[in-house]
PDB file of N, CA and C in Angstrom:
ATOM      1  N   UNK A   1      41.313  81.593 132.436  1.00  0.00           N
ATOM      2  CA  UNK A   1      41.232  82.616 131.409  1.00  0.00           C
ATOM      3  C   UNK A   1      39.912  83.358 131.556  1.00  0.00           C
ATOM      4  N   UNK A   2      39.998  84.668 131.556  1.00  0.00           N
ATOM      5  CA  UNK A   2      38.803  85.511 131.685  1.00  0.00           C
ATOM      6  C   UNK A   2      38.738  86.423 130.477  1.00  0.00           C
ATOM      7  N   UNK A   3      37.575  86.421 129.820  1.00  0.00           N
ATOM      8  CA  UNK A   3      37.371  87.286 128.655  1.00  0.00           C
ATOM      9  C   UNK A   3      36.051  88.032 128.823  1.00  0.00           C
ATOM     10  N   UNK A   4      36.096  89.342 128.683  1.00  0.00           N
ATOM     11  CA  UNK A   4      34.913  90.186 128.759  1.00  0.00           C
ATOM     12  C   UNK A   4      34.168  90.123 127.432  1.00  0.00           C
ATOM     13  N   UNK A   5      32.865  89.855 127.495  1.00  0.00           N
ATOM     14  CA  UNK A   5      32.068  89.736 126.277  1.00  0.00           C
ATOM     15  C   UNK A   5      31.111  90.909 126.064  1.00  0.00           C
ATOM     16  N   UNK A   6      30.718  91.588 127.131  1.00  0.00           N
ATOM     17  CA  UNK A   6      29.801  92.713 126.985  1.00  0.00           C
ATOM     18  C   UNK A   6      28.892  92.839 128.192  1.00  0.00           C
ATOM     19  N   UNK A   7      27.841  93.635 128.022  1.00  0.00           N
ATOM     20  CA  UNK A   7      26.868  93.825 129.091  1.00  0.00           C
ATOM     21  C   UNK A   7      25.496  93.402 128.608  1.00  0.00           C
ATOM     22  N   UNK A   8      24.620  93.195 129.569  1.00  0.00           N
ATOM     23  CA  UNK A   8      23.243  92.816 129.269  1.00  0.00           C
ATOM     24  C   UNK A   8      22.354  93.488 130.299  1.00  0.00           C
ATOM     25  N   UNK A   9      21.222  94.013 129.872  1.00  0.00           N
ATOM     26  CA  UNK A   9      20.262  94.633 130.777  1.00  0.00           C
ATOM     27  C   UNK A   9      19.308  93.577 131.323  1.00  0.00           C
ATOM     28  N   UNK A  10      18.968  93.707 132.592  1.00  0.00           N
ATOM     29  CA  UNK A  10      17.977  92.829 133.206  1.00  0.00           C
ATOM     30  C   UNK A  10      16.600  93.475 133.050  1.00  0.00           C
ATOM     31  N   UNK A  11      15.536  92.712 133.220  1.00  0.00           N
ATOM     32  CA  UNK A  11      14.194  93.293 133.098  1.00  0.00           C
ATOM     33  C   UNK A  11      13.913  94.421 134.091  1.00  0.00           C
ATOM     34  N   UNK A  12      14.579  94.405 135.242  1.00  0.00           N
ATOM     35  CA  UNK A  12      14.352  95.457 136.239  1.00  0.00           C
ATOM     36  C   UNK A  12      15.279  96.656 136.053  1.00  0.00           C
ATOM     37  N   UNK A  13      16.064  96.700 134.976  1.00  0.00           N
ATOM     38  CA  UNK A  13      16.898  97.842 134.655  1.00  0.00           C
ATOM     39  C   UNK A  13      18.333  97.734 135.118  1.00  0.00           C
ATOM     40  N   UNK A  14      18.718  96.637 135.714  1.00  0.00           N
ATOM     41  CA  UNK A  14      20.095  96.442 136.155  1.00  0.00           C
ATOM     42  C   UNK A  14      21.008  96.050 135.009  1.00  0.00           C
ATOM     43  N   UNK A  15      22.290  96.062 135.280  1.00  0.00           N
ATOM     44  CA  UNK A  15      23.286  95.716 134.264  1.00  0.00           C
ATOM     45  C   UNK A  15      24.051  94.481 134.724  1.00  0.00           C
ATOM     46  N   UNK A  16      24.174  93.524 133.824  1.00  0.00           N
ATOM     47  CA  UNK A  16      24.987  92.341 134.071  1.00  0.00           C
ATOM     48  C   UNK A  16      26.190  92.395 133.143  1.00  0.00           C
ATOM     49  N   UNK A  17      27.352  92.091 133.675  1.00  0.00           N
ATOM     50  CA  UNK A  17      28.571  92.023 132.879  1.00  0.00           C
ATOM     51  C   UNK A  17      28.780  90.567 132.487  1.00  0.00           C
ATOM     52  N   UNK A  18      28.949  90.312 131.210  1.00  0.00           N
ATOM     53  CA  UNK A  18      29.056  88.950 130.694  1.00  0.00           C
ATOM     54  C   UNK A  18      30.533  88.638 130.440  1.00  0.00           C
ATOM     55  N   UNK A  19      30.987  87.536 131.046  1.00  0.00           N
ATOM     56  CA  UNK A  19      32.365  87.085 130.912  1.00  0.00           C
ATOM     57  C   UNK A  19      32.385  85.626 130.490  1.00  0.00           C
ATOM     58  N   UNK A  20      33.464  85.219 129.866  1.00  0.00           N
ATOM     59  CA  UNK A  20      33.767  83.811 129.654  1.00  0.00           C
ATOM     60  C   UNK A  20      34.886  83.498 130.645  1.00  0.00           C
ATOM     61  N   UNK A  21      34.606  82.645 131.620  1.00  0.00           N
ATOM     62  CA  UNK A  21      35.576  82.279 132.643  1.00  0.00           C
ATOM     63  C   UNK A  21      35.830  80.787 132.535  1.00  0.00           C
ATOM     64  N   UNK A  22      37.049  80.440 132.152  1.00  0.00           N
ATOM     65  CA  UNK A  22      37.442  79.041 131.979  1.00  0.00           C
ATOM     66  C   UNK A  22      36.465  78.281 131.087  1.00  0.00           C
ATOM     67  N   UNK A  23      36.024  78.922 130.017  1.00  0.00           N
ATOM     68  CA  UNK A  23      35.162  78.278 129.045  1.00  0.00           C
ATOM     69  C   UNK A  23      33.679  78.315 129.365  1.00  0.00           C
ATOM     70  N   UNK A  24      33.286  78.875 130.513  1.00  0.00           N
ATOM     71  CA  UNK A  24      31.878  78.953 130.866  1.00  0.00           C
ATOM     72  C   UNK A  24      31.432  80.410 130.894  1.00  0.00           C
ATOM     73  N   UNK A  25      30.227  80.658 130.389  1.00  0.00           N
ATOM     74  CA  UNK A  25      29.691  82.014 130.400  1.00  0.00           C
ATOM     75  C   UNK A  25      29.148  82.330 131.781  1.00  0.00           C
ATOM     76  N   UNK A  26      29.531  83.487 132.311  1.00  0.00           N
ATOM     77  CA  UNK A  26      29.037  83.961 133.609  1.00  0.00           C
ATOM     78  C   UNK A  26      28.489  85.361 133.425  1.00  0.00           C
ATOM     79  N   UNK A  27      27.343  85.622 134.028  1.00  0.00           N
ATOM     80  CA  UNK A  27      26.758  86.954 134.042  1.00  0.00           C
ATOM     81  C   UNK A  27      26.865  87.455 135.474  1.00  0.00           C
ATOM     82  N   UNK A  28      27.592  88.555 135.658  1.00  0.00           N
ATOM     83  CA  UNK A  28      27.950  89.014 136.989  1.00  0.00           C
ATOM     84  C   UNK A  28      27.427  90.426 137.202  1.00  0.00           C
ATOM     85  N   UNK A  29      26.764  90.630 138.331  1.00  0.00           N
ATOM     86  CA  UNK A  29      26.315  91.967 138.702  1.00  0.00           C
ATOM     87  C   UNK A  29      27.508  92.802 139.150  1.00  0.00           C
ATOM     88  N   UNK A  30      27.352  94.108 139.067  1.00  0.00           N
ATOM     89  CA  UNK A  30      28.435  95.014 139.449  1.00  0.00           C
ATOM     90  C   UNK A  30      28.866  94.786 140.897  1.00  0.00           C
ATOM     91  N   UNK A  31      27.923  94.558 141.773  1.00  0.00           N
ATOM     92  CA  UNK A  31      28.246  94.378 143.189  1.00  0.00           C
ATOM     93  C   UNK A  31      28.977  93.072 143.464  1.00  0.00           C
ATOM     94  N   UNK A  32      28.933  92.126 142.538  1.00  0.00           N
ATOM     95  CA  UNK A  32      29.569  90.822 142.744  1.00  0.00           C
ATOM     96  C   UNK A  32      30.905  90.688 142.025  1.00  0.00           C
ATOM     97  N   UNK A  33      31.406  91.753 141.427  1.00  0.00           N
ATOM     98  CA  UNK A  33      32.671  91.667 140.692  1.00  0.00           C
ATOM     99  C   UNK A  33      33.839  91.291 141.602  1.00  0.00           C
ATOM    100  N   UNK A  34      33.770  91.672 142.867  1.00  0.00           N
ATOM    101  CA  UNK A  34      34.855  91.354 143.794  1.00  0.00           C
ATOM    102  C   UNK A  34      34.933  89.857 144.083  1.00  0.00           C
ATOM    103  N   UNK A  35      33.853  89.131 143.875  1.00  0.00           N
ATOM    104  CA  UNK A  35      33.830  87.688 144.136  1.00  0.00           C
ATOM    105  C   UNK A  35      34.536  86.897 143.044  1.00  0.00           C
ATOM    106  N   UNK A  36      34.802  87.521 141.925  1.00  0.00           N
ATOM    107  CA  UNK A  36      35.447  86.851 140.796  1.00  0.00           C
ATOM    108  C   UNK A  36      36.768  87.557 140.505  1.00  0.00           C
ATOM    109  N   UNK A  37      37.874  87.068 141.070  1.00  0.00           N
ATOM    110  CA  UNK A  37      39.169  87.732 140.875  1.00  0.00           C
ATOM    111  C   UNK A  37      39.540  87.822 139.392  1.00  0.00           C
ATOM    112  N   UNK A  38      39.981  88.992 138.980  1.00  0.00           N
ATOM    113  CA  UNK A  38      40.409  89.196 137.606  1.00  0.00           C
ATOM    114  C   UNK A  38      39.338  89.760 136.695  1.00  0.00           C
ATOM    115  N   UNK A  39      38.078  89.670 137.088  1.00  0.00           N
ATOM    116  CA  UNK A  39      37.010  90.156 136.211  1.00  0.00           C
ATOM    117  C   UNK A  39      37.038  91.673 136.085  1.00  0.00           C
ATOM    118  N   UNK A  40      37.246  92.363 137.196  1.00  0.00           N
ATOM    119  CA  UNK A  40      37.288  93.825 137.118  1.00  0.00           C
ATOM    120  C   UNK A  40      38.438  94.277 136.230  1.00  0.00           C
ATOM    121  N   UNK A  41      39.570  93.608 136.328  1.00  0.00           N
ATOM    122  CA  UNK A  41      40.732  93.963 135.507  1.00  0.00           C
ATOM    123  C   UNK A  41      40.486  93.698 134.026  1.00  0.00           C
ATOM    124  N   UNK A  42      39.601  92.759 133.703  1.00  0.00           N
ATOM    125  CA  UNK A  42      39.314  92.416 132.314  1.00  0.00           C
ATOM    126  C   UNK A  42      38.340  93.390 131.659  1.00  0.00           C
ATOM    127  N   UNK A  43      37.714  94.262 132.445  1.00  0.00           N
ATOM    128  CA  UNK A  43      36.757  95.217 131.891  1.00  0.00           C
ATOM    129  C   UNK A  43      37.468  96.286 131.074  1.00  0.00           C
ATOM    130  N   UNK A  44      36.813  96.789 130.008  1.00  0.00           N
ATOM    131  CA  UNK A  44      37.397  97.901 129.259  1.00  0.00           C
ATOM    132  C   UNK A  44      37.292  99.196 130.076  1.00  0.00           C
ATOM    133  N   UNK A  45      38.030 100.203 129.672  1.00  0.00           N
ATOM    134  CA  UNK A  45      38.062 101.476 130.398  1.00  0.00           C
ATOM    135  C   UNK A  45      36.677 102.118 130.490  1.00  0.00           C
ATOM    136  N   UNK A  46      35.856 101.976 129.469  1.00  0.00           N
ATOM    137  CA  UNK A  46      34.526 102.593 129.487  1.00  0.00           C
ATOM    138  C   UNK A  46      33.639 101.963 130.559  1.00  0.00           C
ATOM    139  N   UNK A  47      33.722 100.659 130.733  1.00  0.00           N
ATOM    140  CA  UNK A  47      32.928  99.990 131.765  1.00  0.00           C
ATOM    141  C   UNK A  47      33.429 100.362 133.155  1.00  0.00           C
ATOM    142  N   UNK A  48      34.750 100.474 133.316  1.00  0.00           N
ATOM    143  CA  UNK A  48      35.313 100.888 134.606  1.00  0.00           C
ATOM    144  C   UNK A  48      34.886 102.312 134.945  1.00  0.00           C
ATOM    145  N   UNK A  49      34.822 103.182 133.938  1.00  0.00           N
ATOM    146  CA  UNK A  49      34.387 104.554 134.156  1.00  0.00           C
ATOM    147  C   UNK A  49      32.920 104.598 134.589  1.00  0.00           C
ATOM    148  N   UNK A  50      32.081 103.754 133.986  1.00  0.00           N
ATOM    149  CA  UNK A  50      30.664 103.706 134.360  1.00  0.00           C
ATOM    150  C   UNK A  50      30.504 103.206 135.795  1.00  0.00           C
ATOM    151  N   UNK A  51      31.281 102.220 136.189  1.00  0.00           N
ATOM    152  CA  UNK A  51      31.230 101.700 137.556  1.00  0.00           C
ATOM    153  C   UNK A  51      31.673 102.783 138.539  1.00  0.00           C
ATOM    154  N   UNK A  52      32.730 103.519 138.197  1.00  0.00           N
ATOM    155  CA  UNK A  52      33.203 104.606 139.059  1.00  0.00           C
ATOM    156  C   UNK A  52      32.129 105.689 139.194  1.00  0.00           C
ATOM    157  N   UNK A  53      31.438 105.999 138.102  1.00  0.00           N
ATOM    158  CA  UNK A  53      30.365 106.993 138.152  1.00  0.00           C
ATOM    159  C   UNK A  53      29.217 106.504 139.028  1.00  0.00           C
ATOM    160  N   UNK A  54      28.877 105.228 138.922  1.00  0.00           N
ATOM    161  CA  UNK A  54      27.812 104.666 139.757  1.00  0.00           C
ATOM    162  C   UNK A  54      28.189 104.729 141.230  1.00  0.00           C
ATOM    163  N   UNK A  55      29.425 104.403 141.554  1.00  0.00           N
ATOM    164  CA  UNK A  55      29.883 104.439 142.947  1.00  0.00           C
ATOM    165  C   UNK A  55      29.903 105.867 143.478  1.00  0.00           C
ATOM    166  N   UNK A  56      30.311 106.830 142.658  1.00  0.00           N
ATOM    167  CA  UNK A  56      30.319 108.239 143.070  1.00  0.00           C
ATOM    168  C   UNK A  56      28.892 108.708 143.343  1.00  0.00           C
ATOM    169  N   UNK A  57      27.959 108.305 142.501  1.00  0.00           N
ATOM    170  CA  UNK A  57      26.567 108.687 142.681  1.00  0.00           C
ATOM    171  C   UNK A  57      26.019 108.094 143.981  1.00  0.00           C
ATOM    172  N   UNK A  58      26.340 106.828 144.245  1.00  0.00           N
ATOM    173  CA  UNK A  58      25.862 106.184 145.462  1.00  0.00           C
ATOM    174  C   UNK A  58      26.455 106.819 146.712  1.00  0.00           C
ATOM    175  N   UNK A  59      27.698 107.276 146.629  1.00  0.00           N
ATOM    176  CA  UNK A  59      28.327 107.876 147.814  1.00  0.00           C
ATOM    177  C   UNK A  59      27.697 109.205 148.182  1.00  0.00           C
ATOM    178  N   UNK A  60      27.023 109.847 147.242  1.00  0.00           N
ATOM    179  CA  UNK A  60      26.368 111.127 147.513  1.00  0.00           C
ATOM    180  C   UNK A  60      25.029 110.952 148.212  1.00  0.00           C
ATOM    181  N   UNK A  61      24.472 109.771 148.201  1.00  0.00           N
ATOM    182  CA  UNK A  61      23.153 109.550 148.814  1.00  0.00           C
ATOM    183  C   UNK A  61      23.198 109.587 150.301  1.00  0.00           C
TER     184      UNK A  61
END
């Protein structure tokens, strides 16, 4: 079971996505979402839109 709980800022300005996965809290960086199957699908539309915007910005560099 995967449940999205929210986001948290790191001291260096990064964003961690907080999930409850099988009863344990996990804080996952955007780049590591692929390592946790189902986490990306559990994100709300607003978080997915922010990730898409970040990826679009990075592709322009």
